Amino acid sequence: MNETAIQSFDAAIGDDPHLLILGSIPGVKSLQEHAYYAHPRNAFWPIMTHLYQLDSHAPYQEKLSQLNAAGVALWDVAQECVRPGSLDSNIKQNSVIANPIQALLAQYPSINAVAFNGQAAAKLFKRHHSALLENEPFQFYTLPSTSPAHASLNFEAKLKAWSVILNAKP
């Protein structure tokens, strides 16, 4: 069976970011919409709306701009991989090509914290960027996935866990 590789998006980053949130790679709905966390049941945007007082009724690009203006950047650990469907557990590990996260961090020295959206993103990062985990200037947060597939936590529990990123200030 010929499996096609999927591609990550470009980093969504403003002028003076202090926090980089890393997912694994966009899911099917996000790829279709060309938008980070586009699945309607993904808790990411509702969480960001609560934490950063974003306009919940704004279109995607406007919310993304508001989040970037708050100093939060978005990207994925994987630049490319083979993954049937949207589940991170289906990522073919030997197919992963990592994004150049070290280069991004060097380009934006204002980033002092990295948050992983779920265990899969954290594990991919550790596999492909382990040297960065020992870098003193960065705070690292491994947070529960906002994906609807991670149903063991309700919205309130995810929001409470994610609130730790508010400690990542410039």
C-alpha atoms as a PDB file:
ATOM      1  CA  MET A   1       0.000   0.000   0.000  1.00  0.00           C
ATOM      2  CA  ASN A   2       1.344   3.411  -0.990  1.00  0.00           C
ATOM      3  CA  GLU A   3       0.925   5.828   1.899  1.00  0.00           C
ATOM      4  CA  THR A   4       1.211   9.533   1.255  1.00  0.00           C
ATOM      5  CA  ALA A   5       3.141  11.773   3.611  1.00  0.00           C
ATOM      6  CA  ILE A   6       1.336  14.719   5.165  1.00  0.00           C
ATOM      7  CA  GLN A   7       2.922  18.119   5.646  1.00  0.00           C
ATOM      8  CA  SER A   8       2.893  20.467   8.610  1.00  0.00           C
ATOM      9  CA  PHE A   9       2.047  24.151   8.297  1.00  0.00           C
ATOM     10  CA  ASP A  10       4.516  27.002   8.570  1.00  0.00           C
ATOM     11  CA  ALA A  11       5.092  28.312  12.056  1.00  0.00           C
ATOM     12  CA  ALA A  12       2.438  30.817  13.125  1.00  0.00           C
ATOM     13  CA  ILE A  13       4.507  33.401  14.908  1.00  0.00           C
ATOM     14  CA  GLY A  14       4.311  37.100  15.723  1.00  0.00           C
ATOM     15  CA  ASP A  15       6.989  39.716  16.250  1.00  0.00           C
ATOM     16  CA  ASP A  16       7.940  39.055  19.871  1.00  0.00           C
ATOM     17  CA  PRO A  17       6.946  35.538  20.942  1.00  0.00           C
ATOM     18  CA  HIS A  18       7.764  34.193  24.385  1.00  0.00           C
ATOM     19  CA  LEU A  19       5.933  30.837  24.215  1.00  0.00           C
ATOM     20  CA  LEU A  20       6.040  28.201  21.476  1.00  0.00           C
ATOM     21  CA  ILE A  21       3.223  25.640  21.509  1.00  0.00           C
ATOM     22  CA  LEU A  22       4.116  22.489  19.607  1.00  0.00           C
ATOM     23  CA  GLY A  23       1.684  19.877  18.350  1.00  0.00           C
ATOM     24  CA  SER A  24       2.682  16.663  16.630  1.00  0.00           C
ATOM     25  CA  ILE A  25       1.337  17.358  13.098  1.00  0.00           C
ATOM     26  CA  PRO A  26      -2.077  18.659  11.948  1.00  0.00           C
ATOM     27  CA  GLY A  27      -5.031  16.274  11.877  1.00  0.00           C
ATOM     28  CA  VAL A  28      -7.225  15.601   8.862  1.00  0.00           C
ATOM     29  CA  LYS A  29      -9.700  18.438   9.563  1.00  0.00           C
ATOM     30  CA  SER A  30      -6.876  20.921  10.162  1.00  0.00           C
ATOM     31  CA  LEU A  31      -5.199  19.882   6.915  1.00  0.00           C
ATOM     32  CA  GLN A  32      -8.506  20.301   5.048  1.00  0.00           C
ATOM     33  CA  GLU A  33      -9.091  23.750   6.565  1.00  0.00           C
ATOM     34  CA  HIS A  34      -5.393  24.705   6.516  1.00  0.00           C
ATOM     35  CA  ALA A  35      -5.811  25.905  10.079  1.00  0.00           C
ATOM     36  CA  TYR A  36      -4.260  24.834  13.350  1.00  0.00           C
ATOM     37  CA  TYR A  37      -6.649  22.864  15.595  1.00  0.00           C
ATOM     38  CA  ALA A  38      -9.609  23.118  13.196  1.00  0.00           C
ATOM     39  CA  HIS A  39     -11.603  20.142  14.461  1.00  0.00           C
ATOM     40  CA  PRO A  40     -14.764  21.638  16.023  1.00  0.00           C
ATOM     41  CA  ARG A  41     -14.405  19.485  19.156  1.00  0.00           C
ATOM     42  CA  ASN A  42     -10.722  20.279  19.693  1.00  0.00           C
ATOM     43  CA  ALA A  43     -10.401  22.249  22.939  1.00  0.00           C
ATOM     44  CA  PHE A  44      -7.365  24.282  21.809  1.00  0.00           C
ATOM     45  CA  TRP A  45      -9.106  27.467  20.681  1.00  0.00           C
ATOM     46  CA  PRO A  46     -11.612  27.523  23.554  1.00  0.00           C
ATOM     47  CA  ILE A  47      -8.694  27.115  25.985  1.00  0.00           C
ATOM     48  CA  MET A  48      -6.688  29.893  24.313  1.00  0.00           C
ATOM     49  CA  THR A  49      -9.801  32.088  24.308  1.00  0.00           C
ATOM     50  CA  HIS A  50     -10.121  31.657  28.088  1.00  0.00           C
ATOM     51  CA  LEU A  51      -6.433  32.111  28.857  1.00  0.00           C
ATOM     52  CA  TYR A  52      -5.678  35.036  26.537  1.00  0.00           C
ATOM     53  CA  GLN A  53      -9.113  36.697  26.275  1.00  0.00           C
ATOM     54  CA  LEU A  54      -9.336  36.105  22.530  1.00  0.00           C
ATOM     55  CA  ASP A  55     -12.498  37.008  20.648  1.00  0.00           C
ATOM     56  CA  SER A  56     -14.272  33.651  20.517  1.00  0.00           C
ATOM     57  CA  HIS A  57     -16.441  34.802  17.596  1.00  0.00           C
ATOM     58  CA  ALA A  58     -13.527  36.017  15.476  1.00  0.00           C
ATOM     59  CA  PRO A  59     -12.572  34.112  12.327  1.00  0.00           C
ATOM     60  CA  TYR A  60      -9.568  31.789  12.554  1.00  0.00           C
ATOM     61  CA  GLN A  61      -6.978  34.220  11.115  1.00  0.00           C
ATOM     62  CA  GLU A  62      -8.021  36.943  13.544  1.00  0.00           C
ATOM     63  CA  LYS A  63      -7.842  34.601  16.559  1.00  0.00           C
ATOM     64  CA  LEU A  64      -4.445  33.417  15.378  1.00  0.00           C
ATOM     65  CA  SER A  65      -3.257  37.029  15.085  1.00  0.00           C
ATOM     66  CA  GLN A  66      -4.586  37.782  18.580  1.00  0.00           C
ATOM     67  CA  LEU A  67      -2.751  34.755  19.980  1.00  0.00           C
ATOM     68  CA  ASN A  68       0.470  35.766  18.208  1.00  0.00           C
ATOM     69  CA  ALA A  69       0.064  39.315  19.553  1.00  0.00           C
ATOM     70  CA  ALA A  70      -0.112  37.793  23.060  1.00  0.00           C
ATOM     71  CA  GLY A  71       3.350  36.338  22.452  1.00  0.00           C
ATOM     72  CA  VAL A  72       2.259  32.791  21.635  1.00  0.00           C
ATOM     73  CA  ALA A  73       3.585  30.972  18.555  1.00  0.00           C
ATOM     74  CA  LEU A  74       2.272  27.696  17.095  1.00  0.00           C
ATOM     75  CA  TRP A  75       4.073  24.985  15.201  1.00  0.00           C
ATOM     76  CA  ASP A  76       4.449  21.221  15.013  1.00  0.00           C
ATOM     77  CA  VAL A  77       7.328  18.933  15.877  1.00  0.00           C
ATOM     78  CA  ALA A  78       6.936  16.975  12.634  1.00  0.00           C
ATOM     79  CA  GLN A  79       7.380  18.734   9.325  1.00  0.00           C
ATOM     80  CA  GLU A  80       6.298  15.632   7.443  1.00  0.00           C
ATOM     81  CA  CYS A  81       5.243  12.073   8.212  1.00  0.00           C
ATOM     82  CA  VAL A  82       2.991   9.247   7.161  1.00  0.00           C
ATOM     83  CA  ARG A  83      -0.084   9.020   9.368  1.00  0.00           C
ATOM     84  CA  PRO A  84      -3.314   7.400   8.236  1.00  0.00           C
ATOM     85  CA  GLY A  85      -6.155   9.393   9.799  1.00  0.00           C
ATOM     86  CA  SER A  86      -5.680  11.869  12.645  1.00  0.00           C
ATOM     87  CA  LEU A  87      -4.544   9.749  15.588  1.00  0.00           C
ATOM     88  CA  ASP A  88      -0.982  10.414  16.722  1.00  0.00           C
ATOM     89  CA  SER A  89      -0.667   6.726  17.568  1.00  0.00           C
ATOM     90  CA  ASN A  90      -0.859   6.048  13.804  1.00  0.00           C
ATOM     91  CA  ILE A  91       2.239   8.132  12.987  1.00  0.00           C
ATOM     92  CA  LYS A  92       4.787   5.926  11.219  1.00  0.00           C
ATOM     93  CA  GLN A  93       7.786   6.854  13.367  1.00  0.00           C
ATOM     94  CA  ASN A  94      10.364   6.009  10.706  1.00  0.00           C
ATOM     95  CA  SER A  95       8.654   8.459   8.324  1.00  0.00           C
ATOM     96  CA  VAL A  96       8.975  11.542  10.546  1.00  0.00           C
ATOM     97  CA  ILE A  97      10.984  14.477   9.268  1.00  0.00           C
ATOM     98  CA  ALA A  98      11.250  17.003  12.089  1.00  0.00           C
ATOM     99  CA  ASN A  99      10.731  20.734  11.749  1.00  0.00           C
ATOM    100  CA  PRO A 100      13.885  22.823  12.340  1.00  0.00           C
ATOM    101  CA  ILE A 101      12.830  23.924  15.812  1.00  0.00           C
ATOM    102  CA  GLN A 102      16.353  24.758  16.942  1.00  0.00           C
ATOM    103  CA  ALA A 103      16.681  27.232  14.050  1.00  0.00           C
ATOM    104  CA  LEU A 104      13.327  28.819  14.949  1.00  0.00           C
ATOM    105  CA  LEU A 105      14.388  29.215  18.583  1.00  0.00           C
ATOM    106  CA  ALA A 106      17.665  30.799  17.452  1.00  0.00           C
ATOM    107  CA  GLN A 107      15.755  33.189  15.161  1.00  0.00           C
ATOM    108  CA  TYR A 108      13.410  34.189  18.021  1.00  0.00           C
ATOM    109  CA  PRO A 109      15.523  34.482  21.182  1.00  0.00           C
ATOM    110  CA  SER A 110      12.514  35.999  22.973  1.00  0.00           C
ATOM    111  CA  ILE A 111      11.003  32.482  23.230  1.00  0.00           C
ATOM    112  CA  ASN A 112      11.708  31.199  26.726  1.00  0.00           C
ATOM    113  CA  ALA A 113       9.110  28.444  27.040  1.00  0.00           C
ATOM    114  CA  VAL A 114       7.897  25.518  24.958  1.00  0.00           C
ATOM    115  CA  ALA A 115       4.574  23.763  25.573  1.00  0.00           C
ATOM    116  CA  PHE A 116       3.743  20.397  24.065  1.00  0.00           C
ATOM    117  CA  ASN A 117       0.136  19.789  23.087  1.00  0.00           C
ATOM    118  CA  GLY A 118       0.013  16.191  24.273  1.00  0.00           C
ATOM    119  CA  GLN A 119       2.374  13.340  25.009  1.00  0.00           C
ATOM    120  CA  ALA A 120       2.881  12.499  21.324  1.00  0.00           C
ATOM    121  CA  ALA A 121       4.322  15.945  20.609  1.00  0.00           C
ATOM    122  CA  ALA A 122       6.586  15.703  23.668  1.00  0.00           C
ATOM    123  CA  LYS A 123       7.838  12.249  22.647  1.00  0.00           C
ATOM    124  CA  LEU A 124       8.495  13.343  19.057  1.00  0.00           C
ATOM    125  CA  PHE A 125      10.388  16.370  20.348  1.00  0.00           C
ATOM    126  CA  LYS A 126      12.478  14.214  22.675  1.00  0.00           C
ATOM    127  CA  ARG A 127      13.261  11.832  19.825  1.00  0.00           C
ATOM    128  CA  HIS A 128      14.282  14.533  17.352  1.00  0.00           C
ATOM    129  CA  HIS A 129      15.471  17.434  19.553  1.00  0.00           C
ATOM    130  CA  SER A 130      16.700  15.845  22.795  1.00  0.00           C
ATOM    131  CA  ALA A 131      19.637  18.255  23.113  1.00  0.00           C
ATOM    132  CA  LEU A 132      17.219  21.175  23.423  1.00  0.00           C
ATOM    133  CA  LEU A 133      15.603  19.589  26.485  1.00  0.00           C
ATOM    134  CA  GLU A 134      18.816  20.203  28.411  1.00  0.00           C
ATOM    135  CA  ASN A 135      18.937  23.881  27.467  1.00  0.00           C
ATOM    136  CA  GLU A 136      18.668  25.983  30.625  1.00  0.00           C
ATOM    137  CA  PRO A 137      16.944  29.078  29.242  1.00  0.00           C
ATOM    138  CA  PHE A 138      13.786  27.176  28.301  1.00  0.00           C
ATOM    139  CA  GLN A 139      10.861  26.083  30.409  1.00  0.00           C
ATOM    140  CA  PHE A 140       9.121  22.992  29.023  1.00  0.00           C
ATOM    141  CA  TYR A 141       5.481  22.074  29.669  1.00  0.00           C
ATOM    142  CA  THR A 142       3.957  18.762  28.618  1.00  0.00           C
ATOM    143  CA  LEU A 143       0.208  19.341  28.631  1.00  0.00           C
ATOM    144  CA  PRO A 144      -2.796  17.149  27.972  1.00  0.00           C
ATOM    145  CA  SER A 145      -3.758  16.934  24.340  1.00  0.00           C
ATOM    146  CA  THR A 146      -6.579  19.255  23.341  1.00  0.00           C
ATOM    147  CA  SER A 147      -7.710  16.703  20.770  1.00  0.00           C
ATOM    148  CA  PRO A 148     -11.213  15.258  21.078  1.00  0.00           C
ATOM    149  CA  ALA A 149      -9.522  11.842  20.955  1.00  0.00           C
ATOM    150  CA  HIS A 150      -8.110  12.608  24.421  1.00  0.00           C
ATOM    151  CA  ALA A 151     -11.456  12.248  26.138  1.00  0.00           C
ATOM    152  CA  SER A 152     -10.201  11.107  29.548  1.00  0.00           C
ATOM    153  CA  LEU A 153     -10.141  14.765  30.657  1.00  0.00           C
ATOM    154  CA  ASN A 154     -13.049  17.150  30.350  1.00  0.00           C
ATOM    155  CA  PHE A 155     -12.692  20.750  29.194  1.00  0.00           C
ATOM    156  CA  GLU A 156     -12.352  22.179  32.710  1.00  0.00           C
ATOM    157  CA  ALA A 157      -9.532  19.771  33.575  1.00  0.00           C
ATOM    158  CA  LYS A 158      -7.711  20.568  30.336  1.00  0.00           C
ATOM    159  CA  LEU A 159      -8.160  24.309  30.923  1.00  0.00           C
ATOM    160  CA  LYS A 160      -6.775  23.999  34.454  1.00  0.00           C
ATOM    161  CA  ALA A 161      -3.742  22.031  33.216  1.00  0.00           C
ATOM    162  CA  TRP A 162      -3.095  24.460  30.363  1.00  0.00           C
ATOM    163  CA  SER A 163      -3.281  27.497  32.647  1.00  0.00           C
ATOM    164  CA  VAL A 164       0.350  26.815  33.625  1.00  0.00           C
ATOM    165  CA  ILE A 165       1.428  28.415  30.341  1.00  0.00           C
ATOM    166  CA  LEU A 166       0.422  31.775  31.773  1.00  0.00           C
ATOM    167  CA  ASN A 167       3.596  31.468  33.885  1.00  0.00           C
ATOM    168  CA  ALA A 168       5.623  31.703  30.662  1.00  0.00           C
ATOM    169  CA  LYS A 169       5.993  35.438  30.475  1.00  0.00           C
ATOM    170  CA  PRO A 170       8.458  37.578  28.547  1.00  0.00           C
END
